[in-house]
Amino acid sequence: MVTALVFIKTDVDRVHEAAEEIAALDGVSEVYSITGGYDLVAMVRVRRHDDLNAVIPGRLNKVKGVRGTETHIAFRTYSQHDLEVAFSLGLPDAD
């Protein structure tokens, strides 16, 4: 499983609508409104690195009101929630 954190700048009058549209995209597990230099952060979870292309520039960046993104790819997951989900999906061990 590949996890990417996508920081998103939106038009001021489209934050809520953009967040809802992004949250509905396949591959997006969560969207948060945040403070700071960005308006939203989306958690994108896909099986392969190549799948990020379909989700982020392919769909997320095309949502009306999205002005720009900055993507960070996670190396390792430390959250118990994420580990439980990975095991329930039947993913092979990382050893």
PDB file of N, CA and C in Angstrom:
ATOM      1  N   MET A   1       0.856  -1.173   0.000  1.00  0.00           N
ATOM      2  CA  MET A   1       0.000   0.000   0.000  1.00  0.00           C
ATOM      3  C   MET A   1       0.903   1.237   0.000  1.00  0.00           C
ATOM      4  N   VAL A   2       0.589   2.180  -0.862  1.00  0.00           N
ATOM      5  CA  VAL A   2       1.321   3.450  -0.948  1.00  0.00           C
ATOM      6  C   VAL A   2       0.409   4.539  -0.402  1.00  0.00           C
ATOM      7  N   THR A   3       0.955   5.343   0.513  1.00  0.00           N
ATOM      8  CA  THR A   3       0.192   6.443   1.096  1.00  0.00           C
ATOM      9  C   THR A   3       0.850   7.753   0.712  1.00  0.00           C
ATOM     10  N   ALA A   4       0.054   8.685   0.232  1.00  0.00           N
ATOM     11  CA  ALA A   4       0.544  10.021  -0.102  1.00  0.00           C
ATOM     12  C   ALA A   4      -0.318  11.046   0.626  1.00  0.00           C
ATOM     13  N   LEU A   5       0.330  12.082   1.138  1.00  0.00           N
ATOM     14  CA  LEU A   5      -0.363  13.215   1.737  1.00  0.00           C
ATOM     15  C   LEU A   5      -0.324  14.326   0.707  1.00  0.00           C
ATOM     16  N   VAL A   6      -1.484  14.791   0.301  1.00  0.00           N
ATOM     17  CA  VAL A   6      -1.572  15.817  -0.730  1.00  0.00           C
ATOM     18  C   VAL A   6      -2.085  17.098  -0.095  1.00  0.00           C
ATOM     19  N   PHE A   7      -1.228  18.115  -0.026  1.00  0.00           N
ATOM     20  CA  PHE A   7      -1.603  19.428   0.488  1.00  0.00           C
ATOM     21  C   PHE A   7      -2.196  20.222  -0.661  1.00  0.00           C
ATOM     22  N   ILE A   8      -3.362  20.818  -0.438  1.00  0.00           N
ATOM     23  CA  ILE A   8      -4.146  21.397  -1.527  1.00  0.00           C
ATOM     24  C   ILE A   8      -4.494  22.846  -1.242  1.00  0.00           C
ATOM     25  N   LYS A   9      -4.250  23.720  -2.237  1.00  0.00           N
ATOM     26  CA  LYS A   9      -4.728  25.106  -2.190  1.00  0.00           C
ATOM     27  C   LYS A   9      -5.968  25.180  -3.063  1.00  0.00           C
ATOM     28  N   THR A  10      -6.999  25.848  -2.540  1.00  0.00           N
ATOM     29  CA  THR A  10      -8.252  25.970  -3.288  1.00  0.00           C
ATOM     30  C   THR A  10      -8.663  27.430  -3.392  1.00  0.00           C
ATOM     31  N   ASP A  11      -9.610  27.680  -4.271  1.00  0.00           N
ATOM     32  CA  ASP A  11     -10.255  28.987  -4.295  1.00  0.00           C
ATOM     33  C   ASP A  11     -10.985  29.155  -2.961  1.00  0.00           C
ATOM     34  N   VAL A  12     -10.958  30.358  -2.404  1.00  0.00           N
ATOM     35  CA  VAL A  12     -11.548  30.626  -1.093  1.00  0.00           C
ATOM     36  C   VAL A  12     -13.017  30.230  -1.043  1.00  0.00           C
ATOM     37  N   ASP A  13     -13.736  30.469  -2.103  1.00  0.00           N
ATOM     38  CA  ASP A  13     -15.176  30.188  -2.100  1.00  0.00           C
ATOM     39  C   ASP A  13     -15.516  28.755  -2.480  1.00  0.00           C
ATOM     40  N   ARG A  14     -14.501  27.882  -2.647  1.00  0.00           N
ATOM     41  CA  ARG A  14     -14.762  26.496  -3.048  1.00  0.00           C
ATOM     42  C   ARG A  14     -14.151  25.466  -2.107  1.00  0.00           C
ATOM     43  N   VAL A  15     -13.690  25.881  -0.931  1.00  0.00           N
ATOM     44  CA  VAL A  15     -13.013  24.942  -0.031  1.00  0.00           C
ATOM     45  C   VAL A  15     -13.924  23.760   0.308  1.00  0.00           C
ATOM     46  N   HIS A  16     -15.123  24.035   0.771  1.00  0.00           N
ATOM     47  CA  HIS A  16     -16.044  22.982   1.188  1.00  0.00           C
ATOM     48  C   HIS A  16     -16.417  22.064   0.018  1.00  0.00           C
ATOM     49  N   GLU A  17     -16.788  22.651  -1.097  1.00  0.00           N
ATOM     50  CA  GLU A  17     -17.190  21.859  -2.264  1.00  0.00           C
ATOM     51  C   GLU A  17     -16.034  21.020  -2.798  1.00  0.00           C
ATOM     52  N   ALA A  18     -14.846  21.625  -2.863  1.00  0.00           N
ATOM     53  CA  ALA A  18     -13.669  20.890  -3.345  1.00  0.00           C
ATOM     54  C   ALA A  18     -13.351  19.726  -2.411  1.00  0.00           C
ATOM     55  N   ALA A  19     -13.433  19.960  -1.105  1.00  0.00           N
ATOM     56  CA  ALA A  19     -13.162  18.896  -0.136  1.00  0.00           C
ATOM     57  C   ALA A  19     -14.115  17.722  -0.324  1.00  0.00           C
ATOM     58  N   GLU A  20     -15.379  18.008  -0.519  1.00  0.00           N
ATOM     59  CA  GLU A  20     -16.363  16.941  -0.708  1.00  0.00           C
ATOM     60  C   GLU A  20     -16.111  16.163  -1.999  1.00  0.00           C
ATOM     61  N   GLU A  21     -15.788  16.878  -3.074  1.00  0.00           N
ATOM     62  CA  GLU A  21     -15.512  16.203  -4.345  1.00  0.00           C
ATOM     63  C   GLU A  21     -14.253  15.353  -4.254  1.00  0.00           C
ATOM     64  N   ILE A  22     -13.228  15.868  -3.601  1.00  0.00           N
ATOM     65  CA  ILE A  22     -11.983  15.119  -3.456  1.00  0.00           C
ATOM     66  C   ILE A  22     -12.204  13.885  -2.592  1.00  0.00           C
ATOM     67  N   ALA A  23     -12.951  14.024  -1.496  1.00  0.00           N
ATOM     68  CA  ALA A  23     -13.217  12.892  -0.611  1.00  0.00           C
ATOM     69  C   ALA A  23     -13.954  11.759  -1.321  1.00  0.00           C
ATOM     70  N   ALA A  24     -14.702  12.080  -2.361  1.00  0.00           N
ATOM     71  CA  ALA A  24     -15.466  11.071  -3.097  1.00  0.00           C
ATOM     72  C   ALA A  24     -14.636  10.337  -4.148  1.00  0.00           C
ATOM     73  N   LEU A  25     -13.402  10.778  -4.397  1.00  0.00           N
ATOM     74  CA  LEU A  25     -12.567  10.154  -5.421  1.00  0.00           C
ATOM     75  C   LEU A  25     -12.052   8.794  -4.961  1.00  0.00           C
ATOM     76  N   ASP A  26     -12.033   7.822  -5.884  1.00  0.00           N
ATOM     77  CA  ASP A  26     -11.412   6.532  -5.591  1.00  0.00           C
ATOM     78  C   ASP A  26      -9.946   6.757  -5.267  1.00  0.00           C
ATOM     79  N   GLY A  27      -9.474   6.141  -4.187  1.00  0.00           N
ATOM     80  CA  GLY A  27      -8.088   6.274  -3.775  1.00  0.00           C
ATOM     81  C   GLY A  27      -7.885   7.306  -2.680  1.00  0.00           C
ATOM     82  N   VAL A  28      -8.874   8.166  -2.450  1.00  0.00           N
ATOM     83  CA  VAL A  28      -8.773   9.168  -1.384  1.00  0.00           C
ATOM     84  C   VAL A  28      -9.508   8.608  -0.172  1.00  0.00           C
ATOM     85  N   SER A  29      -8.776   8.442   0.940  1.00  0.00           N
ATOM     86  CA  SER A  29      -9.406   7.874   2.135  1.00  0.00           C
ATOM     87  C   SER A  29      -9.941   8.933   3.085  1.00  0.00           C
ATOM     88  N   GLU A  30      -9.294  10.106   3.129  1.00  0.00           N
ATOM     89  CA  GLU A  30      -9.711  11.161   4.042  1.00  0.00           C
ATOM     90  C   GLU A  30      -9.325  12.507   3.465  1.00  0.00           C
ATOM     91  N   VAL A  31     -10.066  13.534   3.845  1.00  0.00           N
ATOM     92  CA  VAL A  31      -9.731  14.917   3.508  1.00  0.00           C
ATOM     93  C   VAL A  31      -9.952  15.752   4.762  1.00  0.00           C
ATOM     94  N   TYR A  32      -8.975  16.591   5.083  1.00  0.00           N
ATOM     95  CA  TYR A  32      -9.069  17.458   6.260  1.00  0.00           C
ATOM     96  C   TYR A  32      -8.918  18.906   5.825  1.00  0.00           C
ATOM     97  N   SER A  33      -9.697  19.803   6.434  1.00  0.00           N
ATOM     98  CA  SER A  33      -9.428  21.229   6.265  1.00  0.00           C
ATOM     99  C   SER A  33      -8.358  21.563   7.307  1.00  0.00           C
ATOM    100  N   ILE A  34      -7.397  22.398   6.916  1.00  0.00           N
ATOM    101  CA  ILE A  34      -6.251  22.665   7.776  1.00  0.00           C
ATOM    102  C   ILE A  34      -5.920  24.149   7.807  1.00  0.00           C
ATOM    103  N   THR A  35      -5.078  24.534   8.759  1.00  0.00           N
ATOM    104  CA  THR A  35      -4.578  25.902   8.840  1.00  0.00           C
ATOM    105  C   THR A  35      -3.216  25.961   8.162  1.00  0.00           C
ATOM    106  N   GLY A  36      -2.743  27.162   7.915  1.00  0.00           N
ATOM    107  CA  GLY A  36      -1.421  27.326   7.319  1.00  0.00           C
ATOM    108  C   GLY A  36      -1.512  27.732   5.863  1.00  0.00           C
ATOM    109  N   GLY A  37      -0.501  27.378   5.120  1.00  0.00           N
ATOM    110  CA  GLY A  37      -0.390  27.788   3.721  1.00  0.00           C
ATOM    111  C   GLY A  37      -1.276  27.020   2.760  1.00  0.00           C
ATOM    112  N   TYR A  38      -1.919  25.967   3.236  1.00  0.00           N
ATOM    113  CA  TYR A  38      -2.810  25.159   2.403  1.00  0.00           C
ATOM    114  C   TYR A  38      -4.193  25.146   3.031  1.00  0.00           C
ATOM    115  N   ASP A  39      -5.183  24.794   2.231  1.00  0.00           N
ATOM    116  CA  ASP A  39      -6.562  24.765   2.706  1.00  0.00           C
ATOM    117  C   ASP A  39      -7.006  23.371   3.127  1.00  0.00           C
ATOM    118  N   LEU A  40      -6.502  22.356   2.417  1.00  0.00           N
ATOM    119  CA  LEU A  40      -6.911  20.972   2.650  1.00  0.00           C
ATOM    120  C   LEU A  40      -5.690  20.059   2.604  1.00  0.00           C
ATOM    121  N   VAL A  41      -5.828  18.896   3.239  1.00  0.00           N
ATOM    122  CA  VAL A  41      -4.862  17.818   3.050  1.00  0.00           C
ATOM    123  C   VAL A  41      -5.671  16.543   2.810  1.00  0.00           C
ATOM    124  N   ALA A  42      -5.285  15.811   1.775  1.00  0.00           N
ATOM    125  CA  ALA A  42      -5.960  14.562   1.433  1.00  0.00           C
ATOM    126  C   ALA A  42      -5.002  13.401   1.635  1.00  0.00           C
ATOM    127  N   MET A  43      -5.532  12.321   2.194  1.00  0.00           N
ATOM    128  CA  MET A  43      -4.772  11.085   2.327  1.00  0.00           C
ATOM    129  C   MET A  43      -5.139  10.207   1.137  1.00  0.00           C
ATOM    130  N   VAL A  44      -4.152   9.908   0.322  1.00  0.00           N
ATOM    131  CA  VAL A  44      -4.376   9.064  -0.851  1.00  0.00           C
ATOM    132  C   VAL A  44      -3.704   7.729  -0.574  1.00  0.00           C
ATOM    133  N   ARG A  45      -4.465   6.649  -0.723  1.00  0.00           N
ATOM    134  CA  ARG A  45      -3.933   5.309  -0.473  1.00  0.00           C
ATOM    135  C   ARG A  45      -4.226   4.431  -1.693  1.00  0.00           C
ATOM    136  N   VAL A  46      -3.152   3.954  -2.301  1.00  0.00           N
ATOM    137  CA  VAL A  46      -3.273   3.136  -3.512  1.00  0.00           C
ATOM    138  C   VAL A  46      -2.347   1.921  -3.389  1.00  0.00           C
ATOM    139  N   ARG A  47      -2.539   0.962  -4.243  1.00  0.00           N
ATOM    140  CA  ARG A  47      -1.729  -0.260  -4.192  1.00  0.00           C
ATOM    141  C   ARG A  47      -0.311  -0.053  -4.739  1.00  0.00           C
ATOM    142  N   ARG A  48      -0.168   0.751  -5.791  1.00  0.00           N
ATOM    143  CA  ARG A  48       1.137   0.904  -6.455  1.00  0.00           C
ATOM    144  C   ARG A  48       1.441   2.378  -6.667  1.00  0.00           C
ATOM    145  N   HIS A  49       2.722   2.710  -6.733  1.00  0.00           N
ATOM    146  CA  HIS A  49       3.122   4.095  -6.997  1.00  0.00           C
ATOM    147  C   HIS A  49       2.511   4.610  -8.294  1.00  0.00           C
ATOM    148  N   ASP A  50       2.450   3.758  -9.306  1.00  0.00           N
ATOM    149  CA  ASP A  50       1.888   4.173 -10.597  1.00  0.00           C
ATOM    150  C   ASP A  50       0.436   4.632 -10.470  1.00  0.00           C
ATOM    151  N   ASP A  51      -0.288   4.098  -9.497  1.00  0.00           N
ATOM    152  CA  ASP A  51      -1.687   4.472  -9.303  1.00  0.00           C
ATOM    153  C   ASP A  51      -1.846   5.909  -8.811  1.00  0.00           C
ATOM    154  N   LEU A  52      -0.793   6.459  -8.200  1.00  0.00           N
ATOM    155  CA  LEU A  52      -0.856   7.851  -7.743  1.00  0.00           C
ATOM    156  C   LEU A  52      -1.118   8.798  -8.909  1.00  0.00           C
ATOM    157  N   ASN A  53      -0.575   8.476 -10.072  1.00  0.00           N
ATOM    158  CA  ASN A  53      -0.759   9.322 -11.248  1.00  0.00           C
ATOM    159  C   ASN A  53      -2.227   9.435 -11.637  1.00  0.00           C
ATOM    160  N   ALA A  54      -2.946   8.342 -11.553  1.00  0.00           N
ATOM    161  CA  ALA A  54      -4.372   8.372 -11.909  1.00  0.00           C
ATOM    162  C   ALA A  54      -5.174   9.190 -10.903  1.00  0.00           C
ATOM    163  N   VAL A  55      -4.802   9.124  -9.628  1.00  0.00           N
ATOM    164  CA  VAL A  55      -5.570   9.797  -8.593  1.00  0.00           C
ATOM    165  C   VAL A  55      -5.233  11.281  -8.496  1.00  0.00           C
ATOM    166  N   ILE A  56      -3.948  11.616  -8.398  1.00  0.00           N
ATOM    167  CA  ILE A  56      -3.585  13.004  -8.086  1.00  0.00           C
ATOM    168  C   ILE A  56      -3.645  13.897  -9.325  1.00  0.00           C
ATOM    169  N   PRO A  57      -2.738  13.762 -10.298  1.00  0.00           N
ATOM    170  CA  PRO A  57      -2.904  14.639 -11.468  1.00  0.00           C
ATOM    171  C   PRO A  57      -4.086  14.233 -12.351  1.00  0.00           C
ATOM    172  N   GLY A  58      -4.459  12.958 -12.307  1.00  0.00           N
ATOM    173  CA  GLY A  58      -5.541  12.482 -13.157  1.00  0.00           C
ATOM    174  C   GLY A  58      -6.922  12.943 -12.741  1.00  0.00           C
ATOM    175  N   ARG A  59      -7.182  13.020 -11.424  1.00  0.00           N
ATOM    176  CA  ARG A  59      -8.524  13.396 -10.960  1.00  0.00           C
ATOM    177  C   ARG A  59      -8.512  14.524  -9.930  1.00  0.00           C
ATOM    178  N   LEU A  60      -7.703  14.407  -8.881  1.00  0.00           N
ATOM    179  CA  LEU A  60      -7.724  15.389  -7.798  1.00  0.00           C
ATOM    180  C   LEU A  60      -7.405  16.791  -8.298  1.00  0.00           C
ATOM    181  N   ASN A  61      -6.357  16.932  -9.074  1.00  0.00           N
ATOM    182  CA  ASN A  61      -5.959  18.256  -9.574  1.00  0.00           C
ATOM    183  C   ASN A  61      -6.982  18.874 -10.521  1.00  0.00           C
ATOM    184  N   LYS A  62      -7.910  18.064 -11.019  1.00  0.00           N
ATOM    185  CA  LYS A  62      -8.920  18.562 -11.954  1.00  0.00           C
ATOM    186  C   LYS A  62     -10.227  18.968 -11.275  1.00  0.00           C
ATOM    187  N   VAL A  63     -10.296  18.809  -9.955  1.00  0.00           N
ATOM    188  CA  VAL A  63     -11.499  19.218  -9.224  1.00  0.00           C
ATOM    189  C   VAL A  63     -11.630  20.738  -9.298  1.00  0.00           C
ATOM    190  N   LYS A  64     -12.836  21.210  -9.584  1.00  0.00           N
ATOM    191  CA  LYS A  64     -13.077  22.640  -9.693  1.00  0.00           C
ATOM    192  C   LYS A  64     -12.703  23.343  -8.386  1.00  0.00           C
ATOM    193  N   GLY A  65     -11.900  24.388  -8.490  1.00  0.00           N
ATOM    194  CA  GLY A  65     -11.483  25.153  -7.324  1.00  0.00           C
ATOM    195  C   GLY A  65     -10.094  24.806  -6.814  1.00  0.00           C
ATOM    196  N   VAL A  66      -9.531  23.674  -7.245  1.00  0.00           N
ATOM    197  CA  VAL A  66      -8.172  23.314  -6.832  1.00  0.00           C
ATOM    198  C   VAL A  66      -7.194  24.190  -7.599  1.00  0.00           C
ATOM    199  N   ARG A  67      -6.381  24.950  -6.863  1.00  0.00           N
ATOM    200  CA  ARG A  67      -5.415  25.867  -7.480  1.00  0.00           C
ATOM    201  C   ARG A  67      -4.005  25.293  -7.529  1.00  0.00           C
ATOM    202  N   GLY A  68      -3.693  24.364  -6.647  1.00  0.00           N
ATOM    203  CA  GLY A  68      -2.364  23.771  -6.629  1.00  0.00           C
ATOM    204  C   GLY A  68      -2.254  22.716  -5.553  1.00  0.00           C
ATOM    205  N   THR A  69      -1.268  21.819  -5.720  1.00  0.00           N
ATOM    206  CA  THR A  69      -1.058  20.753  -4.751  1.00  0.00           C
ATOM    207  C   THR A  69       0.431  20.563  -4.495  1.00  0.00           C
ATOM    208  N   GLU A  70       0.711  19.972  -3.362  1.00  0.00           N
ATOM    209  CA  GLU A  70       2.071  19.531  -3.025  1.00  0.00           C
ATOM    210  C   GLU A  70       1.924  18.144  -2.423  1.00  0.00           C
ATOM    211  N   THR A  71       2.594  17.160  -3.011  1.00  0.00           N
ATOM    212  CA  THR A  71       2.424  15.771  -2.604  1.00  0.00           C
ATOM    213  C   THR A  71       3.650  15.256  -1.866  1.00  0.00           C
ATOM    214  N   HIS A  72       3.393  14.571  -0.741  1.00  0.00           N
ATOM    215  CA  HIS A  72       4.439  13.919   0.039  1.00  0.00           C
ATOM    216  C   HIS A  72       4.088  12.437   0.118  1.00  0.00           C
ATOM    217  N   ILE A  73       5.042  11.575  -0.232  1.00  0.00           N
ATOM    218  CA  ILE A  73       4.809  10.137  -0.189  1.00  0.00           C
ATOM    219  C   ILE A  73       5.389   9.589   1.110  1.00  0.00           C
ATOM    220  N   ALA A  74       4.596   8.794   1.816  1.00  0.00           N
ATOM    221  CA  ALA A  74       5.025   8.205   3.080  1.00  0.00           C
ATOM    222  C   ALA A  74       5.929   7.007   2.819  1.00  0.00           C
ATOM    223  N   PHE A  75       6.991   6.890   3.615  1.00  0.00           N
ATOM    224  CA  PHE A  75       7.893   5.739   3.523  1.00  0.00           C
ATOM    225  C   PHE A  75       7.375   4.548   4.317  1.00  0.00           C
ATOM    226  N   ARG A  76       6.871   4.826   5.512  1.00  0.00           N
ATOM    227  CA  ARG A  76       6.464   3.756   6.417  1.00  0.00           C
ATOM    228  C   ARG A  76       5.249   4.212   7.216  1.00  0.00           C
ATOM    229  N   THR A  77       4.383   3.258   7.542  1.00  0.00           N
ATOM    230  CA  THR A  77       3.196   3.547   8.338  1.00  0.00           C
ATOM    231  C   THR A  77       3.427   3.121   9.773  1.00  0.00           C
ATOM    232  N   TYR A  78       3.115   3.995  10.713  1.00  0.00           N
ATOM    233  CA  TYR A  78       3.251   3.688  12.126  1.00  0.00           C
ATOM    234  C   TYR A  78       1.907   3.630  12.835  1.00  0.00           C
ATOM    235  N   SER A  79       0.848   4.033  12.183  1.00  0.00           N
ATOM    236  CA  SER A  79      -0.482   4.055  12.776  1.00  0.00           C
ATOM    237  C   SER A  79      -1.036   2.642  12.907  1.00  0.00           C
ATOM    238  N   GLN A  80      -1.544   2.296  14.075  1.00  0.00           N
ATOM    239  CA  GLN A  80      -2.150   0.990  14.295  1.00  0.00           C
ATOM    240  C   GLN A  80      -3.349   0.786  13.373  1.00  0.00           C
ATOM    241  N   HIS A  81      -4.132   1.846  13.162  1.00  0.00           N
ATOM    242  CA  HIS A  81      -5.303   1.773  12.275  1.00  0.00           C
ATOM    243  C   HIS A  81      -4.885   1.328  10.882  1.00  0.00           C
ATOM    244  N   ASP A  82      -3.840   1.928  10.339  1.00  0.00           N
ATOM    245  CA  ASP A  82      -3.392   1.586   8.997  1.00  0.00           C
ATOM    246  C   ASP A  82      -2.859   0.164   8.928  1.00  0.00           C
ATOM    247  N   LEU A  83      -2.179  -0.280   9.973  1.00  0.00           N
ATOM    248  CA  LEU A  83      -1.661  -1.642   9.989  1.00  0.00           C
ATOM    249  C   LEU A  83      -2.798  -2.655  10.007  1.00  0.00           C
ATOM    250  N   GLU A  84      -3.850  -2.383  10.770  1.00  0.00           N
ATOM    251  CA  GLU A  84      -4.994  -3.279  10.815  1.00  0.00           C
ATOM    252  C   GLU A  84      -5.682  -3.360   9.459  1.00  0.00           C
ATOM    253  N   VAL A  85      -5.809  -2.237   8.779  1.00  0.00           N
ATOM    254  CA  VAL A  85      -6.431  -2.224   7.452  1.00  0.00           C
ATOM    255  C   VAL A  85      -5.590  -3.032   6.474  1.00  0.00           C
ATOM    256  N   ALA A  86      -4.279  -2.874   6.510  1.00  0.00           N
ATOM    257  CA  ALA A  86      -3.403  -3.607   5.598  1.00  0.00           C
ATOM    258  C   ALA A  86      -3.541  -5.112   5.808  1.00  0.00           C
ATOM    259  N   PHE A  87      -3.596  -5.551   7.053  1.00  0.00           N
ATOM    260  CA  PHE A  87      -3.734  -6.978   7.314  1.00  0.00           C
ATOM    261  C   PHE A  87      -5.091  -7.483   6.860  1.00  0.00           C
ATOM    262  N   SER A  88      -6.122  -6.683   6.988  1.00  0.00           N
ATOM    263  CA  SER A  88      -7.459  -7.128   6.577  1.00  0.00           C
ATOM    264  C   SER A  88      -7.572  -7.212   5.059  1.00  0.00           C
ATOM    265  N   LEU A  89      -6.711  -6.481   4.331  1.00  0.00           N
ATOM    266  CA  LEU A  89      -6.718  -6.541   2.875  1.00  0.00           C
ATOM    267  C   LEU A  89      -5.959  -7.751   2.344  1.00  0.00           C
ATOM    268  N   GLY A  90      -5.218  -8.414   3.252  1.00  0.00           N
ATOM    269  CA  GLY A  90      -4.467  -9.594   2.830  1.00  0.00           C
ATOM    270  C   GLY A  90      -3.190  -9.236   2.100  1.00  0.00           C
ATOM    271  N   LEU A  91      -2.617  -8.082   2.377  1.00  0.00           N
ATOM    272  CA  LEU A  91      -1.368  -7.707   1.734  1.00  0.00           C
ATOM    273  C   LEU A  91      -0.250  -8.580   2.251  1.00  0.00           C
ATOM    274  N   PRO A  92       0.755  -8.912   1.420  1.00  0.00           N
ATOM    275  CA  PRO A  92       1.868  -9.761   1.876  1.00  0.00           C
ATOM    276  C   PRO A  92       2.739  -9.011   2.883  1.00  0.00           C
ATOM    277  N   ASP A  93       3.431  -9.776   3.732  1.00  0.00           N
ATOM    278  CA  ASP A  93       4.354  -9.192   4.700  1.00  0.00           C
ATOM    279  C   ASP A  93       5.453  -8.446   3.976  1.00  0.00           C
ATOM    280  N   ALA A  94       5.971  -7.376   4.618  1.00  0.00           N
ATOM    281  CA  ALA A  94       7.007  -6.541   4.011  1.00  0.00           C
ATOM    282  C   ALA A  94       8.396  -7.124   4.165  1.00  0.00           C
ATOM    283  N   ASP A  95       8.536  -8.288   4.834  1.00  0.00           N
ATOM    284  CA  ASP A  95       9.866  -8.886   5.075  1.00  0.00           C
ATOM    285  C   ASP A  95      10.559  -9.274   3.810  1.00  0.00           C
TER     286      ASP A  95
END
